Protein backbone atom coordinates (compact mmCIF):
# COMPACT_ATOMS: atom_id res chain seq x y z
CA UNK A 1 0.38 26.15 22.21
CA UNK A 2 1.65 27.80 19.02
CA UNK A 3 4.89 28.82 20.76
CA UNK A 4 5.34 25.32 22.20
CA UNK A 5 4.94 23.71 18.78
CA UNK A 6 7.41 26.09 17.15
CA UNK A 7 9.97 25.48 19.89
CA UNK A 8 9.44 21.74 19.58
CA UNK A 9 10.00 21.96 15.84
CA UNK A 10 13.25 23.91 16.13
CA UNK A 11 14.62 21.66 18.88
CA UNK A 12 13.74 18.29 17.34
CA UNK A 13 13.68 18.59 13.54
CA UNK A 14 16.81 18.83 11.41
CA UNK A 15 15.75 21.96 9.54
CA UNK A 16 17.05 22.65 6.05
CA UNK A 17 15.64 25.38 3.77
CA UNK A 18 16.14 25.52 0.02
CA UNK A 19 15.09 28.34 -2.31
CA UNK A 20 14.14 28.72 -5.94
CA UNK A 21 12.80 31.61 -8.03
CA UNK A 22 9.82 30.90 -10.27
CA UNK A 23 8.44 32.84 -13.21
CA UNK A 24 4.81 33.36 -12.17
CA UNK A 25 3.77 35.31 -15.28
CA UNK A 26 1.53 32.53 -16.61
CA UNK A 27 0.07 31.89 -13.15
CA UNK A 28 -0.89 35.55 -12.85
CA UNK A 29 -2.42 35.44 -16.34
CA UNK A 30 -4.41 32.32 -15.44
CA UNK A 31 -5.81 33.96 -12.30
CA UNK A 32 -6.77 37.04 -14.33
CA UNK A 33 -8.57 34.95 -16.97
CA UNK A 34 -10.45 33.02 -14.30
CA UNK A 35 -11.55 36.28 -12.69
CA UNK A 36 -12.77 37.57 -16.06
CA UNK A 37 -14.91 34.43 -16.32
CA UNK A 38 -16.41 35.02 -12.88
CA UNK A 39 -14.20 32.54 -10.98
CA UNK A 40 -12.39 34.21 -8.10
CA UNK A 41 -9.39 32.37 -6.70
CA UNK A 42 -6.50 33.58 -4.56
CA UNK A 43 -2.83 32.74 -5.01
CA UNK A 44 -3.13 30.60 -1.89
CA UNK A 45 -5.87 28.59 -3.60
CA UNK A 46 -3.65 28.13 -6.66
CA UNK A 47 -0.69 27.08 -4.52
CA UNK A 48 -2.80 24.53 -2.62
CA UNK A 49 -3.91 23.08 -5.95
CA UNK A 50 -0.34 22.99 -7.27
CA UNK A 51 1.26 21.60 -4.10
CA UNK A 52 -1.36 18.86 -3.77
CA UNK A 53 -0.52 17.61 -7.25
CA UNK A 54 3.22 17.80 -6.57
CA UNK A 55 2.84 15.87 -3.30
CA UNK A 56 0.94 13.17 -5.16
CA UNK A 57 4.05 12.64 -7.30
CA UNK A 58 6.51 13.13 -4.42
CA UNK A 59 5.00 11.30 -1.44
CA UNK A 60 8.26 11.50 0.54
CA UNK A 61 7.28 15.08 1.45
CA UNK A 62 3.90 13.90 2.73
CA UNK A 63 5.34 12.02 5.67
CA UNK A 64 5.81 12.03 9.42
CA UNK A 65 8.03 10.32 11.98
CA UNK A 66 6.50 7.84 14.42
CA UNK A 67 9.09 6.57 16.87
CA UNK A 68 12.04 5.40 14.81
CA UNK A 69 9.96 4.92 11.66
CA UNK A 70 9.03 7.20 8.78
CA UNK A 71 5.36 6.89 7.86
CA UNK A 72 4.34 7.96 4.35
CA UNK A 73 0.80 9.30 4.47
CA UNK A 74 -1.77 8.52 1.79
CA UNK A 75 -4.18 11.43 2.45
CA UNK A 76 -2.94 14.83 1.34
CA UNK A 77 -4.28 17.38 3.83
CA UNK A 78 -2.80 20.82 3.22
CA UNK A 79 -2.75 23.42 5.98
CA UNK A 80 -2.53 27.10 5.01
CA UNK A 81 -1.23 29.61 7.54
CA UNK A 82 -3.66 32.45 8.33
CA UNK A 83 -2.80 35.54 10.39
CA UNK A 84 -5.46 36.19 13.05
CA UNK A 85 -5.82 38.33 16.16
CA UNK A 86 -5.28 35.16 18.21
CA UNK A 87 -2.05 34.35 16.41
CA UNK A 88 -1.09 32.15 13.52
CA UNK A 89 -3.66 29.47 12.66
CA UNK A 90 -3.56 26.96 9.83
CA UNK A 91 -6.93 25.74 8.52
CA UNK A 92 -6.65 22.39 6.76
CA UNK A 93 -7.92 21.55 3.27
CA UNK A 94 -8.48 17.79 3.46
CA UNK A 95 -7.88 15.54 0.46
CA UNK A 96 -6.70 18.56 -1.50
CA UNK A 97 -5.42 16.37 -4.34
CA UNK A 98 -8.95 15.13 -4.98
CA UNK A 99 -10.60 18.57 -5.13
CA UNK A 100 -10.98 21.03 -7.96
CA UNK A 101 -9.67 24.57 -7.81
CA UNK A 102 -13.10 26.15 -7.29
CA UNK A 103 -13.87 23.74 -4.44
CA UNK A 104 -10.53 24.51 -2.77
CA UNK A 105 -11.16 28.24 -3.14
CA UNK A 106 -14.60 28.07 -1.54
CA UNK A 107 -13.48 25.82 1.31
CA UNK A 108 -10.38 27.86 2.13
CA UNK A 109 -12.29 31.15 2.04
CA UNK A 110 -14.81 29.78 4.53
CA UNK A 111 -12.19 28.28 6.85
CA UNK A 112 -9.90 31.32 6.71
CA UNK A 113 -12.80 33.64 7.56
CA UNK A 114 -13.83 31.38 10.44
CA UNK A 115 -10.25 31.41 11.75
CA UNK A 116 -10.08 35.22 11.65
CA UNK A 117 -13.43 35.49 13.47
CA UNK A 118 -12.56 32.87 16.09
CA UNK A 119 -15.19 30.42 14.82
CA UNK A 120 -12.89 27.57 13.77
CA UNK A 121 -13.95 24.10 14.76
CA UNK A 122 -11.25 21.80 16.22
CA UNK A 123 -11.33 19.58 13.13
CA UNK A 124 -10.59 22.61 10.94
CA UNK A 125 -7.11 23.04 12.42
CA UNK A 126 -5.78 19.50 12.88
CA UNK A 127 -4.60 16.68 10.67
CA UNK A 128 -2.55 18.64 8.14
CA UNK A 129 0.19 16.65 6.38
CA UNK A 130 1.92 19.65 4.72
CA UNK A 131 1.75 23.42 5.27
CA UNK A 132 1.86 26.46 2.98
CA UNK A 133 2.66 29.90 4.38
CA UNK A 134 2.43 33.01 2.20
CA UNK A 135 4.00 36.35 3.20
CA UNK A 136 3.80 37.91 -0.24
CA UNK A 137 1.07 40.34 0.79
CA UNK A 138 3.57 41.88 3.25
CA UNK A 139 6.15 42.56 0.49
CA UNK A 140 8.37 39.68 1.65
CA UNK A 141 10.45 37.95 -1.02
CA UNK A 142 11.90 34.89 0.70
CA UNK A 143 12.05 33.49 4.21
CA UNK A 144 12.82 30.32 6.19
CA UNK A 145 9.50 28.95 7.48
CA UNK A 146 9.50 26.66 10.52
CA UNK A 147 8.13 23.15 9.99
CA UNK A 148 4.77 22.52 11.62
CA UNK A 149 5.28 19.26 13.59
CA UNK A 150 4.69 16.41 13.08
CA UNK A 151 4.82 17.31 9.38
CA UNK A 152 7.88 16.77 7.21
CA UNK A 153 7.96 20.07 5.34
CA UNK A 154 6.51 23.54 4.79
CA UNK A 155 6.48 25.75 1.69
CA UNK A 156 7.03 29.49 1.98
CA UNK A 157 5.60 31.71 -0.77
CA UNK A 158 6.97 35.20 -1.41
CA UNK A 159 5.51 38.16 -3.26
CA UNK A 160 5.15 38.33 -7.02
CA UNK A 161 7.37 41.10 -8.33
CA UNK A 162 8.15 42.47 -11.80
CA UNK A 163 11.83 41.78 -12.51
CA UNK A 164 14.13 41.97 -15.52
CA UNK A 165 15.18 38.46 -16.57
CA UNK A 166 16.97 36.97 -19.58
CA UNK A 167 14.79 35.01 -22.01
CA UNK A 168 16.17 33.87 -25.40
CA UNK A 169 19.21 36.16 -25.01
CA UNK A 170 16.99 39.20 -24.41
CA UNK A 171 16.17 41.07 -21.21
CA UNK A 172 12.43 41.08 -20.54
CA UNK A 173 10.23 41.92 -17.57
CA UNK A 174 8.57 38.91 -15.94
CA UNK A 175 6.54 38.38 -12.79
CA UNK A 176 8.87 36.48 -10.45
CA UNK A 177 8.33 34.86 -7.06
CA UNK A 178 10.59 33.16 -4.51
CA UNK A 179 9.60 29.74 -3.15
CA UNK A 180 11.28 28.43 0.00
CA UNK A 181 10.96 24.84 1.18
CA UNK A 182 11.91 23.93 4.75
CA UNK A 183 12.12 20.19 5.38
CA UNK A 184 13.19 17.79 8.11
CA UNK A 185 16.47 16.23 7.00
CA UNK A 186 15.84 13.28 9.33
CA UNK A 187 12.93 12.23 7.10
CA UNK A 188 14.09 13.21 3.64
CA UNK A 189 17.34 13.97 1.83
CA UNK A 190 18.11 17.14 -0.08
CA UNK A 191 17.80 15.72 -3.60
CA UNK A 192 14.19 14.42 -3.34
CA UNK A 193 13.19 17.63 -1.55
CA UNK A 194 14.76 19.61 -4.39
CA UNK A 195 12.91 17.55 -7.00
CA UNK A 196 9.62 18.31 -5.25
CA UNK A 197 10.37 22.05 -5.20
CA UNK A 198 11.44 21.83 -8.84
CA UNK A 199 8.04 20.39 -9.76
CA UNK A 200 6.20 23.09 -7.79
CA UNK A 201 8.24 25.69 -9.69
CA UNK A 202 7.45 23.98 -13.00
CA UNK A 203 3.70 23.99 -12.29
CA UNK A 204 3.83 27.66 -11.26
CA UNK A 205 5.59 28.51 -14.51
CA UNK A 206 3.44 26.23 -16.69
CA UNK A 207 0.04 25.95 -15.02
CA UNK A 208 -1.45 24.41 -18.17
CA UNK A 209 0.33 21.21 -17.10
CA UNK A 210 -2.22 20.92 -14.30
CA UNK A 211 -4.68 19.83 -16.98
CA UNK A 212 -2.47 16.96 -18.13
């Protein structure tokens, strides 16, 4: 079934992938401070939280094609790819834009563990409106993820790596990450897709804006 869906995606969607590099230094610092206060969250949890807020402001990415029509979806259900012995599964965090970070972290931990142990319920794996896939733990920087049909787009997350960058005319070391957005050009044009990725990048770089 996984192979069939991937083949369907490649053969039917007009795939385009765009890339950006984000300074994740503040995101790493936020995760560290949360851990010091006894709140354990993963980078996947943080990305779900960020992407849900970005989708709320850019609903064109939270869409699907039905016949000859584009349907913009009100619920934001984010699927997160999980590597299991049975293959790639994507547990879904429903109404992610309405949940706090701690709630997302607890729910994803439970669903990811169930997926790895083969205990997922059917409802856990269906209904996603957008997907996040993270290969950073495998030392991958950037990649071109395949859209999970019938969704409009998928976000690829690369590893966080110390890199020399220029800030205020000085070379400093920052924690950088590559974000790659694959989208179906039949449903959305490049400019609105780029604006969505730009907002994700902005929230990664300035996570305090999530409180605004």
